[in-house]
Amino acid sequence: MPPKIDLKLCKGCNVCVDICPLDVFKEGAKAPVVAYPDECWHCGACVMDCPKKALRLILPVPMRPVAIRIK
């Protein structure tokens, strides 16, 4: 699943646009837009660097067991 942006928390700083290694986001009028959701690698860079914690990343089902073992 692509990253989800909580528009109530997002202040439009576009840090996610700048930090995403695959350019999944693009600048929008008031908030960034997930322009290329299928390109997301689920690296979590956008979630970690968002100053307002407005991004949420839900890992695809096949990746969940790996993420649990890494913790």
N, C-alpha and C. Protein backbone atom coordinates (compact mmCIF):
# COMPACT_ATOMS: atom_id res chain seq x y z
N MET A 1 0.85 -1.19 0.00
CA MET A 1 0.00 0.00 0.00
C MET A 1 0.89 1.24 0.00
N PRO A 2 0.45 2.27 -0.67
CA PRO A 2 1.24 3.51 -0.70
C PRO A 2 1.13 4.26 0.62
N PRO A 3 2.02 5.21 0.84
CA PRO A 3 1.93 6.03 2.05
C PRO A 3 0.62 6.80 2.09
N LYS A 4 0.09 6.98 3.28
CA LYS A 4 -1.14 7.75 3.47
C LYS A 4 -0.78 9.05 4.17
N ILE A 5 -1.32 10.15 3.68
CA ILE A 5 -1.07 11.47 4.26
C ILE A 5 -2.30 11.90 5.04
N ASP A 6 -2.11 12.20 6.31
CA ASP A 6 -3.20 12.73 7.14
C ASP A 6 -3.25 14.24 6.90
N LEU A 7 -4.22 14.68 6.14
CA LEU A 7 -4.32 16.08 5.75
C LEU A 7 -4.61 17.00 6.93
N LYS A 8 -5.11 16.45 8.03
CA LYS A 8 -5.35 17.27 9.22
C LYS A 8 -4.04 17.62 9.91
N LEU A 9 -3.04 16.74 9.81
CA LEU A 9 -1.75 16.97 10.45
C LEU A 9 -0.73 17.62 9.52
N CYS A 10 -0.84 17.36 8.24
CA CYS A 10 0.14 17.84 7.27
C CYS A 10 0.09 19.37 7.15
N LYS A 11 1.28 19.97 7.21
CA LYS A 11 1.39 21.43 7.08
C LYS A 11 1.97 21.85 5.73
N GLY A 12 2.19 20.88 4.83
CA GLY A 12 2.67 21.20 3.49
C GLY A 12 4.13 21.59 3.42
N CYS A 13 4.96 21.06 4.32
CA CYS A 13 6.38 21.42 4.32
C CYS A 13 7.15 20.74 3.19
N ASN A 14 6.59 19.68 2.62
CA ASN A 14 7.17 18.94 1.50
C ASN A 14 8.49 18.24 1.81
N VAL A 15 8.75 17.95 3.08
CA VAL A 15 9.93 17.17 3.44
C VAL A 15 9.86 15.79 2.79
N CYS A 16 8.67 15.20 2.77
CA CYS A 16 8.51 13.88 2.15
C CYS A 16 8.84 13.92 0.66
N VAL A 17 8.50 15.00 0.00
CA VAL A 17 8.81 15.16 -1.42
C VAL A 17 10.32 15.16 -1.62
N ASP A 18 11.02 15.85 -0.75
CA ASP A 18 12.48 15.98 -0.86
C ASP A 18 13.20 14.70 -0.45
N ILE A 19 12.70 13.98 0.55
CA ILE A 19 13.42 12.85 1.13
C ILE A 19 13.18 11.53 0.40
N CYS A 20 12.08 11.38 -0.28
CA CYS A 20 11.72 10.11 -0.91
C CYS A 20 12.74 9.74 -2.00
N PRO A 21 13.41 8.58 -1.84
CA PRO A 21 14.42 8.20 -2.84
C PRO A 21 13.84 7.83 -4.20
N LEU A 22 12.55 7.55 -4.27
CA LEU A 22 11.93 7.15 -5.53
C LEU A 22 10.98 8.18 -6.10
N ASP A 23 10.94 9.36 -5.51
CA ASP A 23 10.07 10.44 -5.98
C ASP A 23 8.62 10.01 -6.10
N VAL A 24 8.13 9.32 -5.07
CA VAL A 24 6.74 8.87 -5.02
C VAL A 24 5.80 10.05 -4.86
N PHE A 25 6.27 11.10 -4.17
CA PHE A 25 5.44 12.27 -3.88
C PHE A 25 5.73 13.39 -4.87
N LYS A 26 4.74 14.25 -5.03
CA LYS A 26 4.97 15.51 -5.75
C LYS A 26 4.27 16.61 -4.96
N GLU A 27 4.72 17.83 -5.16
CA GLU A 27 4.13 18.96 -4.44
C GLU A 27 2.71 19.20 -4.92
N GLY A 28 1.82 19.43 -3.94
CA GLY A 28 0.44 19.75 -4.26
C GLY A 28 0.15 21.18 -3.87
N ALA A 29 -1.07 21.62 -4.05
CA ALA A 29 -1.46 22.99 -3.74
C ALA A 29 -1.33 23.29 -2.24
N LYS A 30 -1.84 22.39 -1.39
CA LYS A 30 -1.79 22.61 0.06
C LYS A 30 -0.99 21.54 0.78
N ALA A 31 -0.89 20.37 0.19
CA ALA A 31 -0.19 19.24 0.79
C ALA A 31 0.42 18.39 -0.31
N PRO A 32 1.46 17.64 0.00
CA PRO A 32 2.03 16.74 -1.01
C PRO A 32 1.00 15.72 -1.49
N VAL A 33 1.25 15.18 -2.65
CA VAL A 33 0.37 14.19 -3.26
C VAL A 33 1.18 12.92 -3.53
N VAL A 34 0.60 11.76 -3.26
CA VAL A 34 1.24 10.50 -3.60
C VAL A 34 0.99 10.28 -5.09
N ALA A 35 1.96 10.69 -5.89
CA ALA A 35 1.78 10.69 -7.34
C ALA A 35 2.05 9.32 -7.98
N TYR A 36 2.97 8.56 -7.40
CA TYR A 36 3.35 7.27 -7.97
C TYR A 36 3.31 6.19 -6.89
N PRO A 37 2.12 5.81 -6.45
CA PRO A 37 1.99 4.87 -5.33
C PRO A 37 2.60 3.50 -5.60
N ASP A 38 2.60 3.05 -6.84
CA ASP A 38 3.15 1.73 -7.15
C ASP A 38 4.67 1.69 -7.11
N GLU A 39 5.31 2.86 -7.08
CA GLU A 39 6.77 2.92 -7.04
C GLU A 39 7.33 2.84 -5.62
N CYS A 40 6.48 2.93 -4.61
CA CYS A 40 6.93 2.97 -3.22
C CYS A 40 7.59 1.64 -2.82
N TRP A 41 8.78 1.73 -2.21
CA TRP A 41 9.51 0.56 -1.72
C TRP A 41 9.22 0.28 -0.25
N HIS A 42 8.42 1.12 0.38
CA HIS A 42 8.09 0.99 1.80
C HIS A 42 9.33 1.11 2.68
N CYS A 43 10.23 2.02 2.31
CA CYS A 43 11.47 2.19 3.08
C CYS A 43 11.23 2.94 4.38
N GLY A 44 10.16 3.74 4.44
CA GLY A 44 9.81 4.45 5.66
C GLY A 44 10.52 5.78 5.85
N ALA A 45 11.30 6.22 4.88
CA ALA A 45 12.01 7.50 5.01
C ALA A 45 11.04 8.66 5.20
N CYS A 46 9.95 8.66 4.48
CA CYS A 46 8.97 9.74 4.58
C CYS A 46 8.33 9.77 5.97
N VAL A 47 8.04 8.60 6.51
CA VAL A 47 7.40 8.52 7.83
C VAL A 47 8.37 9.01 8.91
N MET A 48 9.63 8.59 8.82
CA MET A 48 10.61 8.96 9.84
C MET A 48 10.95 10.45 9.82
N ASP A 49 10.95 11.07 8.65
CA ASP A 49 11.37 12.47 8.55
C ASP A 49 10.25 13.48 8.59
N CYS A 50 9.00 13.05 8.60
CA CYS A 50 7.89 14.00 8.64
C CYS A 50 7.85 14.68 10.01
N PRO A 51 8.02 16.00 10.07
CA PRO A 51 8.06 16.69 11.36
C PRO A 51 6.71 16.70 12.09
N LYS A 52 5.62 16.53 11.37
CA LYS A 52 4.28 16.55 11.98
C LYS A 52 3.69 15.15 12.14
N LYS A 53 4.46 14.13 11.77
CA LYS A 53 3.98 12.73 11.85
C LYS A 53 2.66 12.55 11.11
N ALA A 54 2.59 13.14 9.94
CA ALA A 54 1.36 13.12 9.15
C ALA A 54 1.32 11.96 8.15
N LEU A 55 2.37 11.17 8.10
CA LEU A 55 2.43 10.06 7.15
C LEU A 55 2.32 8.73 7.87
N ARG A 56 1.64 7.81 7.20
CA ARG A 56 1.48 6.46 7.74
C ARG A 56 1.78 5.50 6.60
N LEU A 57 2.50 4.45 6.92
CA LEU A 57 2.87 3.47 5.92
C LEU A 57 2.40 2.10 6.39
N ILE A 58 1.57 1.47 5.59
CA ILE A 58 1.09 0.13 5.91
C ILE A 58 1.82 -0.84 4.98
N LEU A 59 2.57 -1.73 5.58
CA LEU A 59 3.33 -2.68 4.79
C LEU A 59 2.41 -3.69 4.10
N PRO A 60 2.76 -4.07 2.88
CA PRO A 60 1.99 -5.12 2.21
C PRO A 60 2.08 -6.42 3.01
N VAL A 61 1.11 -7.26 2.90
CA VAL A 61 1.04 -8.50 3.67
C VAL A 61 2.32 -9.34 3.53
N PRO A 62 2.87 -9.55 2.33
CA PRO A 62 4.08 -10.38 2.24
C PRO A 62 5.28 -9.82 3.01
N MET A 63 5.33 -8.52 3.27
CA MET A 63 6.46 -7.90 3.96
C MET A 63 6.30 -7.92 5.48
N ARG A 64 5.13 -8.14 6.00
CA ARG A 64 4.89 -8.05 7.43
C ARG A 64 5.70 -9.04 8.26
N PRO A 65 5.80 -10.31 7.91
CA PRO A 65 6.60 -11.21 8.75
C PRO A 65 8.07 -10.80 8.82
N VAL A 66 8.62 -10.25 7.75
CA VAL A 66 10.01 -9.80 7.75
C VAL A 66 10.16 -8.62 8.69
N ALA A 67 9.24 -7.67 8.66
CA ALA A 67 9.31 -6.49 9.51
C ALA A 67 9.20 -6.87 10.98
N ILE A 68 8.42 -7.87 11.29
CA ILE A 68 8.27 -8.30 12.69
C ILE A 68 9.58 -8.90 13.19
N ARG A 69 10.27 -9.68 12.38
CA ARG A 69 11.54 -10.29 12.79
C ARG A 69 12.63 -9.26 12.97
N ILE A 70 12.60 -8.16 12.20
CA ILE A 70 13.63 -7.14 12.27
C ILE A 70 13.55 -6.38 13.59
N LYS A 71 12.34 -6.17 14.10
CA LYS A 71 12.17 -5.42 15.35
C LYS A 71 12.95 -6.11 16.43
